[in-house]
Amino acid sequence: MSEPTQVTLCEDGPMLVRGEVVVEDEDGQRHVSSRPVTAVCRCGASSLKPWCDGSHKALAGGQRARRLGSV
C-alpha cells in the first residue's frame, strides 16, 4: 500500500506535496509529478506554473502566498 499524500502550506511560499500529484490548470491541462516532494506555486509569479520556481522570494512579504488568495 502506498503512503498517503501529505500537503504542507509554507508561510509566504509554495504548497509542498509529498507523494504523487496531478494539478489541473485553468485551461484543463493536467500536470503530473511523481517526485518525492513537489512545490506547487501559490503566488502566481512562477514561470514554471503550476510548479514553484522560487519567484515568491522576490515579492513583498504580504503579497507572496496571498497574491492568489492563499490557495
Foldseek 3Di string as FASTA:
>chain_A
DDDDWDWDDDQLAFIKIAAWDWDQDPVRDIDTDGDRIFTAAQLPPAPPPRGDPPPSVVDPRVNRNPVNPND
